[in-house]
Protein backbone atom coordinates (compact mmCIF):
# COMPACT_ATOMS: atom_id res chain seq x y z
CA MET A 1 0.00 0.00 0.00
CA ASN A 2 1.31 3.45 -0.92
CA SER A 3 2.53 5.58 1.97
CA ASP A 4 3.61 8.67 0.01
CA PRO A 5 1.48 11.47 1.52
CA PHE A 6 1.81 13.63 -1.59
CA GLU A 7 0.47 10.83 -3.76
CA ILE A 8 -2.25 9.82 -1.28
CA LEU A 9 -3.66 13.35 -1.35
CA GLY A 10 -2.80 14.02 -5.00
CA ILE A 11 -0.67 17.04 -4.17
CA GLU A 12 2.41 18.27 -6.01
CA PRO A 13 5.51 17.19 -4.06
CA THR A 14 7.03 20.46 -2.87
CA MET A 15 7.91 22.32 0.30
CA HIS A 16 5.76 25.22 -0.92
CA LEU A 17 2.25 24.05 -0.03
CA ASP A 18 -0.78 26.25 0.37
CA LEU A 19 -2.19 24.97 3.67
CA GLU A 20 -5.71 26.10 2.82
CA LYS A 21 -5.61 24.13 -0.41
CA LEU A 22 -4.11 21.15 1.45
CA ASN A 23 -6.99 21.26 3.94
CA GLN A 24 -9.59 21.53 1.19
CA ILE A 25 -8.18 18.54 -0.68
CA TYR A 26 -7.95 16.53 2.52
CA LEU A 27 -11.54 17.33 3.57
CA SER A 28 -12.85 16.50 0.11
CA LYS A 29 -11.12 13.11 0.08
CA ALA A 30 -11.97 12.39 3.73
CA ALA A 31 -15.66 13.09 3.07
CA ARG A 32 -15.66 10.35 0.42
CA CYS A 33 -14.55 7.88 3.11
CA HIS A 34 -17.39 8.73 5.43
CA PRO A 35 -19.79 5.77 5.75
CA ASP A 36 -22.87 8.01 5.67
CA LEU A 37 -21.89 9.40 2.26
CA ALA A 38 -21.28 5.94 0.85
CA LEU A 39 -24.65 4.77 2.15
CA SER A 40 -26.44 7.83 0.76
CA LEU A 41 -24.95 7.01 -2.65
CA ASN A 42 -26.13 3.40 -2.30
CA GLN A 43 -22.57 2.13 -2.56
CA ALA A 44 -21.65 -1.23 -1.11
CA VAL A 45 -18.78 -0.43 1.22
CA ASP A 46 -16.61 -2.30 3.64
CA PRO A 47 -16.51 -0.25 6.85
CA ASP A 48 -13.02 -1.57 7.64
CA GLU A 49 -11.73 -0.37 4.27
CA LEU A 50 -13.30 3.06 4.82
CA THR A 51 -11.63 3.25 8.23
CA LYS A 52 -8.25 2.28 6.77
CA GLU A 53 -8.56 4.83 3.98
CA ALA A 54 -9.61 7.55 6.42
CA ALA A 55 -6.56 6.74 8.57
CA ARG A 56 -4.25 6.93 5.51
CA LEU A 57 -5.73 10.31 4.59
CA ASN A 58 -5.38 11.58 8.18
CA ASP A 59 -1.74 10.46 8.33
CA ALA A 60 -0.97 12.04 4.96
CA HIS A 61 -2.64 15.30 5.98
CA GLN A 62 -0.81 15.46 9.31
CA THR A 63 2.51 14.75 7.60
CA LEU A 64 2.10 17.46 4.98
CA ALA A 65 0.62 20.05 7.35
CA ASN A 66 3.80 19.92 9.46
CA LEU A 67 6.75 21.56 7.73
CA GLU A 68 9.40 19.29 9.23
CA SER A 69 7.55 16.05 8.49
CA ARG A 70 6.71 17.35 5.00
CA ALA A 71 10.42 17.85 4.37
CA SER A 72 11.17 14.30 5.55
CA ALA A 73 8.42 12.90 3.31
CA LEU A 74 9.73 14.86 0.34
CA LEU A 75 13.26 13.62 0.97
CA ALA A 76 12.03 10.02 1.18
CA ARG A 77 10.11 10.49 -2.06
CA LEU A 78 13.30 11.68 -3.77
CA GLY A 79 15.21 8.64 -2.51
CA GLY A 80 16.99 10.21 0.44
CA ASP A 81 17.70 8.40 3.68
CA LEU A 82 15.31 8.42 6.60
CA ALA A 83 16.50 9.96 9.87
CA LYS A 84 16.85 6.52 11.45
CA ASP A 85 19.26 5.50 8.67
CA ASP A 86 21.42 8.64 8.63
CA LYS A 87 21.94 10.62 11.82
CA SER A 88 24.75 12.79 10.46
CA LEU A 89 24.88 16.50 11.25
CA PRO A 90 26.61 19.48 9.69
CA GLN A 91 30.20 19.86 10.82
CA ASP A 92 30.65 21.88 14.03
CA LEU A 93 26.95 21.79 14.94
CA LEU A 94 27.42 19.53 17.96
CA MET A 95 30.15 21.71 19.45
CA GLU A 96 28.03 24.83 18.97
CA MET A 97 24.97 23.15 20.47
CA MET A 98 26.93 21.91 23.50
CA GLU A 99 28.08 25.48 24.20
CA VAL A 100 24.58 26.90 23.78
CA ARG A 101 23.05 24.19 25.97
CA GLN A 102 25.62 24.93 28.67
CA HIS A 103 24.70 28.63 28.67
CA ALA A 104 20.98 27.82 28.60
CA GLN A 105 21.32 25.32 31.45
CA ILE A 106 23.05 27.92 33.60
CA ALA A 107 20.24 30.37 32.82
CA GLN A 108 17.65 27.73 33.76
CA GLU A 109 19.42 26.89 37.02
CA ASN A 110 19.54 30.61 37.88
CA ASN A 111 15.91 31.17 36.82
CA ASP A 112 17.23 33.92 34.54
CA GLU A 113 14.26 34.43 32.20
CA GLN A 114 15.96 37.26 30.32
CA GLU A 115 18.92 35.01 29.47
CA LEU A 116 16.58 32.12 28.63
CA ASP A 117 14.61 34.39 26.31
CA LYS A 118 17.89 35.22 24.55
CA TRP A 119 18.57 31.51 23.95
CA ARG A 120 14.97 30.86 22.90
CA ALA A 121 15.27 33.66 20.35
CA TRP A 122 18.59 32.25 19.16
CA ALA A 123 17.08 28.78 18.75
CA GLY A 124 14.06 30.19 16.89
CA ALA A 125 16.31 32.08 14.50
CA GLU A 126 18.43 28.94 13.97
CA ARG A 127 15.30 26.92 13.22
CA ASP A 128 14.14 29.53 10.70
CA GLU A 129 17.57 29.45 9.05
CA TYR A 130 17.46 25.65 8.74
CA ILE A 131 13.94 25.81 7.33
CA ASN A 132 15.18 28.24 4.70
CA LYS A 133 18.25 26.11 3.94
CA VAL A 134 16.15 22.96 3.57
CA THR A 135 13.60 24.71 1.36
CA ARG A 136 16.32 26.17 -0.89
CA ALA A 137 18.05 22.79 -1.10
CA PHE A 138 14.80 21.12 -2.19
CA ASP A 139 14.20 23.86 -4.75
CA GLU A 140 17.63 23.14 -6.23
CA VAL A 141 17.43 19.34 -6.15
CA GLN A 142 13.86 18.75 -7.37
CA ALA A 143 14.73 18.54 -11.05
CA GLU A 144 17.62 16.11 -10.66
CA PRO A 145 18.18 14.62 -7.21
CA LYS A 146 21.78 13.54 -6.68
CA PRO A 147 22.96 11.39 -3.76
CA ASP A 148 25.27 14.09 -2.38
CA SER A 149 22.48 16.67 -2.46
CA LEU A 150 20.07 14.28 -0.74
CA ARG A 151 22.67 13.53 1.97
CA GLU A 152 23.13 17.26 2.52
CA ILE A 153 19.37 17.72 2.91
CA ARG A 154 19.27 14.84 5.42
CA GLN A 155 22.01 16.55 7.44
CA LEU A 156 20.09 19.83 7.38
CA LEU A 157 16.91 18.06 8.46
CA ASN A 158 18.76 16.32 11.30
CA ALA A 159 20.14 19.68 12.44
CA TRP A 160 16.67 21.23 12.23
CA ARG A 161 15.32 18.43 14.42
CA TYR A 162 18.18 18.98 16.87
CA ILE A 163 17.23 22.65 17.12
CA GLU A 164 13.56 21.70 17.59
CA ARG A 165 14.50 19.55 20.57
CA MET A 166 16.44 22.42 22.07
CA ILE A 167 13.42 24.71 21.63
CA ASP A 168 11.30 22.11 23.43
CA GLN A 169 13.83 21.93 26.25
CA LEU A 170 13.89 25.72 26.64
CA SER A 171 10.10 25.86 26.84
CA PRO A 172 8.40 26.36 30.18
CA GLY A 173 6.96 23.11 31.52
CA TYR A 174 9.34 20.97 29.47
CA ASP A 175 9.22 17.32 30.54
CA PRO A 176 12.45 15.48 29.64
CA LEU A 177 10.75 12.08 30.01
CA ALA A 178 8.18 13.01 27.37
CA ASP A 179 11.02 13.97 25.01
CA THR A 180 12.62 10.52 25.17
CA GLU A 181 9.42 8.97 23.84
CA ARG A 182 9.75 10.93 20.59
CA SER A 183 13.33 9.97 19.86
């Protein structure tokens, strides 16, 4: 069974999606899976099949509505590695992140909200930069995906995810046990 969310929803594979259009397409397709509609059209339907199709549509919609998961789906579609298969990061990122985490941890221990806000802003700006890098990389690779370009995108996506985790950890009410469940 096909698991490509772009294909499931019949949407052009790109990072540049109109979320309103995505929602409209999703709702239109999801409505066709509703048992009441099938019954009103006098169609013989298998409720289990309708449930499975609705779940596929929901998964595809959730994947494409989230920018990070959309990027991972697009990379997989182009033949790039999944995060579980390639955990590489851009050179020097780990050292930089260790330094930032150290400063942020000190700010957290001292309950220094002003300093924490500085690191939250830094992390948000870093995330935005990685989003832009990933989007540009996809724009360049779409026509002719090459293995080196796909590896570079995977590294950028891994870095983006690393930054997302840091943002989570800098958020008030962060629960480190909940974070381990997502890894």
